[in-house]
Amino acid sequence: MNLHLQKAVTALGENLDALLVTDTRNQRWLTGFPFEDGFVFVTKKDSYLLTDSRYIEAAEKAAKGVTVLQMTGKRNEMFADLCRQNGVKRVGFEDHRVTVAELERLKKTFEGFDLLPAGRLLEDLREYKDEEEIENIISAQRIAEKAFDHILGYITPDRTEVDVALELEFFMRAHGAEGLAFQTITVSGDASALPHGVPRPVKLKKGFLTMDYGALYNGYCSDMTRTVVIGKADEDMKELYATVLNAQLTAEAAVKEGVTGAELDKIARDIIDGSKYKGCFGHSLGHGVGMYIHESPSVSVGGTKPFGKGHVITVEPGIYVKGKYGCRIEDMMAIRQNGVELLTDCPKNLIEL
């Protein structure tokens, strides 16, 4: 049994005898094996990965800490046997991950057993990353940083926003990413005022170009944003950029164990709202990062949970002037066993192209 499975078994406590895992990233977190069709069934005695013939051979080679079983057409009989073998009566399910239709199927599959909502049991465990997980996030981030170095030499006024997005994505895949952490944002000119704008098939406009993107490595996400200038920055643009950077650096300096996301958000927000850009920072300061791009803890006005060892967060203030332009700068940080570490190693000086 691997460490993640041990944590899950302990978390079953007295209320559950087993946990049926249907979320694919939670399945990968438990077993180390990525697959799209099947179940992980965790009991206090043994744990199982159940899948079909498409994945069975690969699972037998790669899955860690579980018995790999090929699913049959009679799933209710298969799970009933596993429950009896392991003394299971109460089965937890990921109630926040299943649809109503899926729940009805599960009730039929586990007829005769107590099927109980398990809440965010695995998400609460995954929130605190171990050192291996943080190293995977760092590896994903290093790929993204290489992509940034590359894209600076690729950008010309004749490129489109879509061109830039595709080039970032291709470069990351070509240099070790297994996929994208999320849909790439590359927006220029007045579209940079849209925090989550969609890349357009239009040539890059003069002014700010915001690039928000990340790589996926071994199941873990990276997340970074850099804003550069197409052409020359005027004094107003320089002031805006400096304000965002000051808010970010000040907030990053305050990250430590015991600080809450709300406290960190206030530090950055007070700087921006104390400038002429009051009210132009609409989103939260950041979020947790892991196998999902948005995880706990919250780094926002509602983030009341104190940071602890194993938390990985983003710090990403921005200023957005409607109809004109916007700027965001984003890094990742981790509270590791030996202290706080800035995981992002990428220039933040104002770059004009």
Protein backbone atom coordinates (compact mmCIF):
# COMPACT_ATOMS: atom_id res chain seq x y z
CA MET A 1 0.00 0.00 0.00
CA ASN A 2 1.44 3.38 -1.02
CA LEU A 3 1.43 6.53 1.11
CA HIS A 4 -1.62 8.09 -0.53
CA LEU A 5 -3.67 4.94 -0.08
CA GLN A 6 -2.58 4.77 3.56
CA LYS A 7 -3.86 8.32 4.08
CA ALA A 8 -7.16 7.44 2.44
CA VAL A 9 -7.64 4.32 4.57
CA THR A 10 -6.96 6.30 7.74
CA ALA A 11 -9.42 8.97 6.63
CA LEU A 12 -12.23 6.40 6.35
CA GLY A 13 -12.43 6.58 10.13
CA GLU A 14 -15.29 4.92 11.97
CA ASN A 15 -18.07 5.99 9.62
CA LEU A 16 -16.97 4.22 6.44
CA ASP A 17 -15.69 0.73 5.65
CA ALA A 18 -14.73 1.55 2.07
CA LEU A 19 -14.55 4.34 -0.50
CA LEU A 20 -15.56 4.10 -4.15
CA VAL A 21 -13.44 6.55 -6.17
CA THR A 22 -14.81 7.68 -9.53
CA ASP A 23 -12.95 10.97 -10.08
CA THR A 24 -10.10 10.26 -12.49
CA ARG A 25 -7.56 12.56 -10.81
CA ASN A 26 -8.33 11.16 -7.40
CA GLN A 27 -7.87 7.70 -8.89
CA ARG A 28 -4.48 8.71 -10.23
CA TRP A 29 -3.51 10.28 -6.90
CA LEU A 30 -4.25 6.99 -5.15
CA THR A 31 -2.67 4.60 -7.63
CA GLY A 32 -0.26 6.59 -9.80
CA PHE A 33 -2.05 5.29 -12.89
CA PRO A 34 -3.96 7.59 -15.29
CA PHE A 35 -7.05 6.04 -16.83
CA GLU A 36 -10.51 7.18 -17.87
CA ASP A 37 -12.87 4.26 -17.37
CA GLY A 38 -13.20 2.31 -14.14
CA PHE A 39 -13.07 2.55 -10.38
CA VAL A 40 -10.71 2.52 -7.45
CA PHE A 41 -12.18 0.74 -4.43
CA VAL A 42 -10.42 1.42 -1.14
CA THR A 43 -11.12 -0.76 1.89
CA LYS A 44 -9.43 -1.02 5.27
CA LYS A 45 -8.05 -4.41 4.27
CA ASP A 46 -7.19 -4.24 0.57
CA SER A 47 -7.63 -1.79 -2.31
CA TYR A 48 -8.50 -2.42 -5.93
CA LEU A 49 -8.32 -0.80 -9.36
CA LEU A 50 -11.10 -2.06 -11.60
CA THR A 51 -11.03 -1.33 -15.32
CA ASP A 52 -11.74 -2.90 -18.70
CA SER A 53 -9.56 -4.64 -21.26
CA ARG A 54 -8.31 -1.36 -22.76
CA TYR A 55 -6.34 -0.48 -19.64
CA ILE A 56 -5.82 -3.75 -17.83
CA GLU A 57 -2.30 -4.59 -19.04
CA ALA A 58 -1.00 -1.05 -18.51
CA ALA A 59 -2.61 -0.90 -15.06
CA GLU A 60 -1.03 -4.17 -14.01
CA LYS A 61 2.39 -2.68 -14.85
CA ALA A 62 1.96 0.85 -13.49
CA ALA A 63 -0.62 0.97 -10.69
CA LYS A 64 0.88 1.08 -7.21
CA GLY A 65 -0.48 -0.46 -4.03
CA VAL A 66 -3.66 -1.95 -5.47
CA THR A 67 -4.91 -5.23 -6.86
CA VAL A 68 -5.85 -4.75 -10.51
CA LEU A 69 -9.06 -6.46 -11.62
CA GLN A 70 -10.76 -6.59 -15.00
CA MET A 71 -14.40 -5.56 -14.77
CA THR A 72 -17.09 -7.99 -15.75
CA GLY A 73 -20.56 -7.25 -17.04
CA LYS A 74 -22.06 -7.94 -13.62
CA ARG A 75 -20.58 -5.14 -11.57
CA ASN A 76 -23.00 -5.61 -8.69
CA GLU A 77 -21.79 -9.17 -8.18
CA MET A 78 -18.15 -8.12 -8.46
CA PHE A 79 -18.47 -5.37 -5.86
CA ALA A 80 -20.60 -7.56 -3.61
CA ASP A 81 -17.81 -10.14 -3.58
CA LEU A 82 -15.19 -7.49 -2.77
CA CYS A 83 -17.37 -6.12 0.03
CA ARG A 84 -17.84 -9.55 1.55
CA GLN A 85 -14.13 -10.37 1.28
CA ASN A 86 -13.24 -7.16 3.12
CA GLY A 87 -16.05 -7.00 5.66
CA VAL A 88 -17.57 -3.90 4.05
CA LYS A 89 -21.07 -2.71 4.90
CA ARG A 90 -20.79 1.10 4.52
CA VAL A 91 -19.45 2.39 1.20
CA GLY A 92 -18.57 6.05 0.73
CA PHE A 93 -18.92 7.70 -2.67
CA GLU A 94 -17.71 11.05 -4.06
CA ASP A 95 -21.05 12.82 -3.87
CA HIS A 96 -19.68 16.11 -5.26
CA ARG A 97 -18.31 14.31 -8.33
CA VAL A 98 -21.24 12.13 -9.45
CA THR A 99 -24.37 13.08 -11.37
CA VAL A 100 -27.87 12.14 -10.30
CA ALA A 101 -27.95 9.46 -13.02
CA GLU A 102 -24.62 8.03 -11.87
CA LEU A 103 -25.85 7.90 -8.29
CA GLU A 104 -28.88 5.89 -9.35
CA ARG A 105 -26.57 3.39 -11.07
CA LEU A 106 -24.37 3.18 -7.98
CA LYS A 107 -27.41 2.43 -5.81
CA LYS A 108 -28.18 -0.55 -8.02
CA THR A 109 -24.55 -1.67 -8.05
CA PHE A 110 -24.32 -1.58 -4.25
CA GLU A 111 -27.81 -2.81 -3.51
CA GLY A 112 -27.80 -4.38 -0.05
CA PHE A 113 -25.01 -2.14 1.23
CA ASP A 114 -25.13 1.32 2.79
CA LEU A 115 -24.05 3.90 0.21
CA LEU A 116 -23.02 7.10 2.00
CA PRO A 117 -21.72 10.51 0.80
CA ALA A 118 -18.01 10.86 1.59
CA GLY A 119 -17.79 14.59 0.92
CA ARG A 120 -14.39 15.97 -0.04
CA LEU A 121 -12.45 13.27 1.77
CA LEU A 122 -9.75 12.87 -0.89
CA GLU A 123 -9.67 16.56 -1.83
CA ASP A 124 -8.96 17.40 1.81
CA LEU A 125 -6.04 14.96 1.74
CA ARG A 126 -4.73 16.19 -1.62
CA GLU A 127 -4.76 19.80 -0.45
CA TYR A 128 -1.50 19.23 1.46
CA LYS A 129 1.14 18.16 -1.04
CA ASP A 130 4.07 15.95 -0.11
CA GLU A 131 7.55 16.72 -1.36
CA GLU A 132 7.24 14.45 -4.40
CA GLU A 133 4.06 16.24 -5.46
CA ILE A 134 5.70 19.65 -5.09
CA GLU A 135 8.62 18.47 -7.21
CA ASN A 136 6.14 17.43 -9.93
CA ILE A 137 4.59 20.90 -9.82
CA ILE A 138 8.06 22.46 -10.09
CA SER A 139 8.84 20.25 -13.11
CA ALA A 140 5.62 21.44 -14.77
CA GLN A 141 6.57 25.03 -13.99
CA ARG A 142 10.05 24.69 -15.47
CA ILE A 143 8.50 23.56 -18.76
CA ALA A 144 6.25 26.63 -18.74
CA GLU A 145 9.22 28.89 -18.06
CA LYS A 146 11.14 27.47 -21.01
CA ALA A 147 8.06 28.19 -23.11
CA PHE A 148 8.12 31.81 -21.97
CA ASP A 149 11.79 32.19 -22.96
CA HIS A 150 10.92 30.71 -26.34
CA ILE A 151 7.83 32.82 -26.96
CA LEU A 152 9.71 36.09 -26.48
CA GLY A 153 11.69 35.28 -29.61
CA TYR A 154 8.61 34.09 -31.49
CA ILE A 155 6.38 37.13 -31.00
CA THR A 156 6.20 39.65 -33.84
CA PRO A 157 3.47 42.14 -34.80
CA ASP A 158 2.37 39.76 -37.55
CA ARG A 159 1.51 36.95 -35.12
CA THR A 160 -2.04 36.48 -33.94
CA GLU A 161 -3.21 35.81 -30.39
CA VAL A 162 -4.10 32.28 -31.49
CA ASP A 163 -0.60 31.87 -32.98
CA VAL A 164 0.98 32.73 -29.64
CA ALA A 165 -1.30 30.38 -27.71
CA LEU A 166 -0.64 27.48 -30.06
CA GLU A 167 3.11 28.07 -30.01
CA LEU A 168 3.16 28.02 -26.21
CA GLU A 169 1.13 24.82 -26.18
CA PHE A 170 3.21 23.07 -28.85
CA PHE A 171 6.46 24.04 -27.14
CA MET A 172 5.31 22.70 -23.78
CA ARG A 173 4.16 19.39 -25.29
CA ALA A 174 7.41 19.10 -27.22
CA HIS A 175 9.43 19.68 -24.05
CA GLY A 176 7.91 17.18 -21.67
CA ALA A 177 4.37 18.28 -20.79
CA GLU A 178 1.77 15.53 -20.97
CA GLY A 179 -0.87 18.16 -21.64
CA LEU A 180 -2.12 21.61 -20.70
CA ALA A 181 -2.98 22.58 -17.16
CA PHE A 182 -5.88 24.67 -18.53
CA GLN A 183 -6.90 26.54 -21.66
CA THR A 184 -4.19 29.05 -22.60
CA ILE A 185 -4.99 32.77 -22.38
CA THR A 186 -3.14 35.10 -24.76
CA VAL A 187 -4.89 38.45 -25.14
CA SER A 188 -3.54 41.78 -26.39
CA GLY A 189 -4.49 45.44 -26.56
CA ASP A 190 -7.95 46.21 -25.22
CA ALA A 191 -8.63 42.47 -24.81
CA SER A 192 -5.97 42.35 -22.09
CA ALA A 193 -8.60 44.06 -19.91
CA LEU A 194 -10.45 40.70 -19.90
CA PRO A 195 -8.94 38.57 -17.11
CA HIS A 196 -10.00 35.33 -18.80
CA GLY A 197 -10.15 36.49 -22.38
CA VAL A 198 -10.07 33.97 -25.23
CA PRO A 199 -7.28 34.13 -27.85
CA ARG A 200 -8.55 35.60 -31.11
CA PRO A 201 -7.43 35.06 -34.72
CA VAL A 202 -6.35 38.71 -34.93
CA LYS A 203 -2.88 40.19 -35.12
CA LEU A 204 -1.36 41.24 -31.83
CA LYS A 205 -2.41 44.73 -30.91
CA LYS A 206 0.00 47.27 -29.53
CA GLY A 207 0.06 47.57 -25.77
CA PHE A 208 -0.15 44.86 -23.14
CA LEU A 209 -0.08 41.18 -24.10
CA THR A 210 -1.11 38.94 -21.20
CA MET A 211 -0.17 35.26 -21.33
CA ASP A 212 -1.67 32.96 -18.69
CA TYR A 213 -0.86 29.29 -19.20
CA GLY A 214 0.49 26.14 -17.57
CA ALA A 215 1.88 22.70 -18.23
CA LEU A 216 0.71 19.35 -16.94
CA TYR A 217 3.49 17.04 -15.75
CA ASN A 218 2.98 13.61 -14.19
CA GLY A 219 -0.56 14.64 -13.36
CA TYR A 220 0.32 17.99 -11.74
CA CYS A 221 -0.36 21.51 -12.96
CA SER A 222 1.70 24.65 -13.18
CA ASP A 223 0.22 28.13 -13.52
CA MET A 224 1.94 31.35 -14.49
CA THR A 225 1.05 34.69 -16.01
CA ARG A 226 3.38 37.19 -17.60
CA THR A 227 2.38 40.46 -19.25
CA VAL A 228 4.65 42.01 -21.86
CA VAL A 229 4.26 45.06 -24.10
CA ILE A 230 3.93 44.98 -27.87
CA GLY A 231 5.73 48.14 -28.90
CA LYS A 232 6.67 50.77 -26.31
CA ALA A 233 5.01 51.31 -22.96
CA ASP A 234 3.84 54.84 -22.20
CA GLU A 235 4.07 56.33 -18.71
CA ASP A 236 0.56 55.22 -17.75
CA MET A 237 1.32 51.64 -18.74
CA LYS A 238 4.57 51.70 -16.79
CA GLU A 239 2.73 52.97 -13.72
CA LEU A 240 0.06 50.31 -14.02
CA TYR A 241 2.63 47.54 -14.42
CA ALA A 242 4.68 48.82 -11.46
CA THR A 243 1.57 48.88 -9.28
CA VAL A 244 0.71 45.26 -10.09
CA LEU A 245 4.30 44.17 -9.50
CA ASN A 246 4.47 46.00 -6.18
CA ALA A 247 1.23 44.35 -5.03
CA GLN A 248 2.53 40.95 -6.02
CA LEU A 249 5.98 41.27 -4.45
CA THR A 250 4.53 42.64 -1.22
CA ALA A 251 2.01 39.81 -0.98
CA GLU A 252 4.64 37.19 -1.77
CA ALA A 253 6.86 38.53 1.00
CA ALA A 254 4.01 37.95 3.47
CA VAL A 255 3.43 34.27 2.62
CA LYS A 256 4.15 32.07 5.61
CA GLU A 257 2.63 29.29 7.65
CA GLY A 258 -0.37 30.54 9.61
CA VAL A 259 -1.31 33.41 7.28
CA THR A 260 -4.76 33.13 5.68
CA GLY A 261 -5.71 33.67 2.07
CA ALA A 262 -7.92 36.59 3.10
CA GLU A 263 -5.01 38.32 4.83
CA LEU A 264 -2.81 37.86 1.77
CA ASP A 265 -5.53 39.07 -0.58
CA LYS A 266 -5.99 42.22 1.51
CA ILE A 267 -2.29 43.09 1.33
CA ALA A 268 -2.30 43.13 -2.48
CA ARG A 269 -5.79 44.65 -2.79
CA ASP A 270 -4.97 47.54 -0.44
CA ILE A 271 -1.98 48.49 -2.60
CA ILE A 272 -4.02 48.51 -5.79
CA ASP A 273 -7.02 50.24 -4.21
CA GLY A 274 -4.67 52.81 -2.71
CA SER A 275 -3.57 53.80 -6.21
CA LYS A 276 -5.49 55.48 -8.99
CA TYR A 277 -6.63 51.99 -10.03
CA LYS A 278 -9.03 51.51 -7.14
CA GLY A 279 -11.71 48.98 -8.05
CA CYS A 280 -9.78 47.61 -11.05
CA PHE A 281 -8.71 44.37 -9.32
CA GLY A 282 -11.84 42.24 -9.51
CA HIS A 283 -10.76 38.64 -9.04
CA SER A 284 -9.18 36.87 -6.08
CA LEU A 285 -5.45 37.08 -5.43
CA GLY A 286 -4.90 33.40 -6.11
CA HIS A 287 -5.80 29.78 -5.48
CA GLY A 288 -4.35 26.44 -4.59
CA VAL A 289 -2.75 24.31 -7.33
CA GLY A 290 -2.26 20.58 -7.63
CA MET A 291 -3.76 17.90 -9.86
CA TYR A 292 -6.53 20.40 -10.55
CA ILE A 293 -5.62 23.94 -11.55
CA HIS A 294 -7.95 25.33 -8.87
CA GLU A 295 -7.77 23.62 -5.49
CA SER A 296 -7.86 24.57 -1.85
CA PRO A 297 -6.75 26.66 -0.08
CA SER A 298 -8.58 29.77 -1.17
CA VAL A 299 -6.44 32.87 -1.60
CA SER A 300 -9.29 35.36 -1.58
CA VAL A 301 -11.40 37.57 0.67
CA GLY A 302 -13.18 34.38 1.78
CA GLY A 303 -10.01 32.40 2.46
CA THR A 304 -10.14 31.81 6.21
CA LYS A 305 -7.98 28.67 6.37
CA PRO A 306 -4.40 29.36 7.58
CA PHE A 307 -1.67 28.18 5.24
CA GLY A 308 0.18 25.07 6.34
CA LYS A 309 2.98 22.79 5.22
CA GLY A 310 2.17 21.29 1.85
CA HIS A 311 0.07 24.15 0.52
CA VAL A 312 0.89 25.32 -3.00
CA ILE A 313 -0.72 28.61 -4.03
CA THR A 314 -0.67 31.24 -6.75
CA VAL A 315 -0.18 34.96 -6.18
CA GLU A 316 -1.64 36.81 -9.16
CA PRO A 317 -2.87 40.37 -8.71
CA GLY A 318 -4.05 42.26 -11.75
CA ILE A 319 -5.37 45.63 -12.87
CA TYR A 320 -7.96 45.81 -15.65
CA VAL A 321 -9.07 49.12 -17.14
CA LYS A 322 -12.29 48.44 -19.05
CA GLY A 323 -12.04 49.02 -22.77
CA LYS A 324 -8.38 49.99 -22.55
CA TYR A 325 -5.96 47.35 -21.26
CA GLY A 326 -4.99 45.14 -18.36
CA CYS A 327 -2.03 43.46 -16.71
CA ARG A 328 -1.58 40.40 -14.47
CA ILE A 329 1.57 38.86 -12.99
CA GLU A 330 1.41 35.39 -11.45
CA ASP A 331 3.79 33.14 -9.55
CA MET A 332 3.40 29.93 -7.58
CA MET A 333 4.62 29.50 -4.00
CA ALA A 334 4.82 26.52 -1.66
CA ILE A 335 5.07 26.08 2.07
CA ARG A 336 7.50 23.19 2.26
CA GLN A 337 8.97 21.30 5.19
CA ASN A 338 11.96 23.65 5.27
CA GLY A 339 10.01 26.89 4.77
CA VAL A 340 8.35 29.02 2.11
CA GLU A 341 9.63 28.70 -1.46
CA LEU A 342 8.92 30.70 -4.59
CA LEU A 343 8.41 28.00 -7.21
CA THR A 344 8.43 30.34 -10.22
CA ASP A 345 11.79 31.32 -11.68
CA CYS A 346 10.95 33.71 -14.48
CA PRO A 347 11.69 37.42 -15.10
CA LYS A 348 9.10 39.97 -14.00
CA ASN A 349 10.67 43.15 -15.33
CA LEU A 350 8.62 45.07 -17.89
CA ILE A 351 9.50 43.62 -21.29
CA GLU A 352 8.89 45.55 -24.51
CA LEU A 353 8.85 43.63 -27.78
